[in-house]
Protein backbone atom coordinates (compact mmCIF):
# COMPACT_ATOMS: atom_id res chain seq x y z
CA MET A 1 -64.23 -86.45 45.04
CA SER A 2 -61.60 -85.94 48.35
CA THR A 3 -62.06 -83.86 50.85
CA ALA A 4 -59.03 -82.50 53.20
CA PRO A 5 -59.21 -84.04 56.65
CA THR A 6 -60.37 -81.84 59.35
CA THR A 7 -57.44 -80.60 62.02
CA ARG A 8 -59.09 -80.60 65.56
CA PRO A 9 -58.20 -78.07 66.93
CA GLU A 10 -55.44 -78.24 69.81
CA SER A 11 -56.95 -78.24 73.33
CA LEU A 12 -56.31 -75.18 75.69
CA THR A 13 -56.16 -75.48 79.47
CA ILE A 14 -56.91 -71.89 81.51
CA ALA A 15 -55.41 -72.52 85.13
CA CYS A 16 -56.29 -70.36 87.89
CA LEU A 17 -53.13 -71.14 90.07
CA CYS A 18 -54.60 -69.40 93.60
CA ALA A 19 -54.39 -69.64 97.29
CA GLY A 20 -57.44 -70.69 99.51
CA TRP A 21 -56.52 -67.32 102.00
CA CYS A 22 -56.75 -65.09 99.12
CA VAL A 23 -59.39 -62.29 98.68
CA ALA A 24 -58.51 -61.32 95.50
CA CYS A 25 -58.85 -64.85 94.33
CA GLN A 26 -61.92 -65.55 96.06
CA ALA A 27 -63.30 -62.60 93.96
CA TYR A 28 -61.80 -63.81 90.77
CA VAL A 29 -63.87 -67.12 91.40
CA ALA A 30 -67.02 -65.76 90.18
CA THR A 31 -65.43 -64.59 87.11
CA PHE A 32 -63.35 -67.18 85.98
CA ALA A 33 -66.63 -69.62 86.47
CA GLN A 34 -68.14 -66.89 83.85
CA VAL A 35 -66.24 -66.78 81.23
CA ALA A 36 -65.51 -70.81 81.99
CA GLN A 37 -69.29 -71.16 80.70
CA ALA A 38 -68.65 -69.18 77.82
CA HIS A 39 -66.27 -71.07 76.65
CA PRO A 40 -67.05 -74.75 76.97
CA ASP A 41 -63.89 -76.23 74.45
CA VAL A 42 -61.36 -74.65 76.72
CA ARG A 43 -60.77 -76.91 80.11
CA PHE A 44 -60.51 -74.13 83.00
CA ALA A 45 -58.52 -75.25 86.41
CA TRP A 46 -58.57 -73.56 89.56
CA ILE A 47 -56.18 -74.99 91.42
CA ASP A 48 -55.48 -74.14 95.02
CA ILE A 49 -51.38 -74.21 95.01
CA GLU A 50 -50.96 -74.91 98.59
CA ASP A 51 -53.82 -77.90 98.82
CA HIS A 52 -51.63 -79.09 95.86
CA SER A 53 -48.63 -78.29 96.34
CA ASP A 54 -46.93 -82.21 96.51
CA ALA A 55 -48.68 -82.57 92.60
CA LEU A 56 -47.22 -78.97 91.55
CA GLY A 57 -43.89 -79.29 93.21
CA ASP A 58 -41.20 -76.94 94.14
CA GLU A 59 -41.94 -74.33 91.85
CA ALA A 60 -45.07 -73.45 92.83
CA LEU A 61 -43.43 -71.77 95.89
CA ASP A 62 -42.34 -68.76 93.33
CA ILE A 63 -46.11 -68.04 92.96
CA GLU A 64 -46.30 -65.16 94.80
CA ASN A 65 -49.45 -62.92 93.78
CA PHE A 66 -52.30 -63.81 92.75
CA PRO A 67 -54.10 -64.38 90.36
CA THR A 68 -51.51 -66.34 88.54
CA LEU A 69 -52.88 -67.83 85.90
CA LEU A 70 -51.03 -70.44 83.45
CA VAL A 71 -52.39 -70.82 79.63
CA LEU A 72 -51.54 -74.20 78.35
CA LYS A 73 -51.82 -75.61 74.25
CA GLY A 74 -51.89 -78.65 73.21
CA GLY A 75 -52.73 -82.49 73.57
CA GLN A 76 -51.33 -85.05 76.28
CA ASP A 77 -47.76 -83.15 76.13
CA GLN A 78 -49.30 -79.29 76.76
CA ARG A 79 -47.06 -76.84 75.87
CA PRO A 80 -46.91 -73.41 78.57
CA LEU A 81 -47.84 -70.25 76.68
CA PHE A 82 -48.59 -67.81 79.06
CA LEU A 83 -47.80 -67.88 83.43
CA GLY A 84 -48.44 -64.77 85.56
CA THR A 85 -50.31 -62.07 87.16
CA VAL A 86 -53.10 -60.84 85.32
CA MET A 87 -56.00 -58.32 86.48
CA PRO A 88 -58.62 -59.88 88.03
CA HIS A 89 -61.48 -58.60 85.19
CA VAL A 90 -63.92 -60.53 82.88
CA GLY A 91 -62.13 -58.58 79.55
CA THR A 92 -58.64 -59.82 80.81
CA LEU A 93 -59.32 -63.12 81.14
CA GLU A 94 -61.37 -63.03 77.53
CA ARG A 95 -58.76 -61.56 75.83
CA MET A 96 -56.51 -63.88 77.18
CA VAL A 97 -58.92 -66.92 75.61
CA GLN A 98 -59.67 -64.95 72.31
CA ALA A 99 -55.63 -64.97 71.71
CA ALA A 100 -54.40 -67.97 72.97
CA GLN A 101 -57.26 -69.68 70.90
CA ALA A 102 -56.49 -67.16 67.76
CA GLY A 103 -52.81 -68.31 68.25
CA SER A 104 -51.50 -65.10 68.93
CA MET A 105 -49.71 -66.47 72.31
CA ASP A 106 -47.99 -68.96 70.47
CA GLY A 107 -44.94 -67.28 69.70
CA ALA A 108 -43.80 -66.97 73.78
CA THR A 109 -41.58 -68.39 75.53
CA VAL A 110 -42.32 -69.90 79.02
CA ARG A 111 -40.59 -72.22 81.12
CA THR A 112 -42.00 -73.57 83.59
CA ALA A 113 -42.49 -77.04 85.42
CA LEU A 114 -45.98 -76.36 86.44
CA ALA A 115 -47.67 -77.73 83.14
CA GLY A 116 -47.38 -81.59 83.82
CA PRO A 117 -48.66 -81.01 87.10
CA VAL A 118 -51.33 -78.80 85.91
CA THR A 119 -52.80 -80.86 83.13
CA ALA A 120 -53.14 -83.94 85.47
CA LEU A 121 -54.62 -81.88 87.95
CA ALA A 122 -57.22 -80.51 85.12
CA ALA A 123 -57.51 -83.55 83.47
CA ALA A 124 -58.92 -85.63 86.68
CA HIS A 125 -61.47 -83.24 87.87
CA ARG A 126 -64.29 -81.03 86.65
CA VAL A 127 -67.19 -79.60 88.15
CA GLN A 128 -69.73 -77.47 85.39
CA GLY A 129 -67.16 -76.68 82.95
CA VAL A 130 -64.64 -75.65 86.08
CA VAL A 131 -61.97 -77.94 86.82
CA THR A 132 -62.13 -78.06 90.76
CA PRO A 133 -59.34 -80.43 92.15
CA ALA A 134 -59.88 -82.40 95.27
CA PRO A 135 -57.52 -81.22 97.95
């Protein structure tokens, strides 16, 4: 009797690209952490674009509105599914996580050089389910 091999779902990373001075980001961190705790199978990254500007490169300078989310899916070479500013509400973030998990974002075409640096930063530091890279 043979059984079909089980496929492991692709990993998912949700990165909030923020700035320490941003009042909206400061208010959003608790919401972000709450959703992270509800989804232990998803890597959540809180990345200050100014503290990590060297690692993120020039494209981080183009981020002007906060909070900006980058949704990545895949293995070692994660592909970007979404990059943009979102309303800082728990329901918005929950729907984004569910859409990415369900594959309904997979048709998105997002070109960004941030995918590699964000993946590396997210893999480097994890604190209580929310990745917080050290400066």
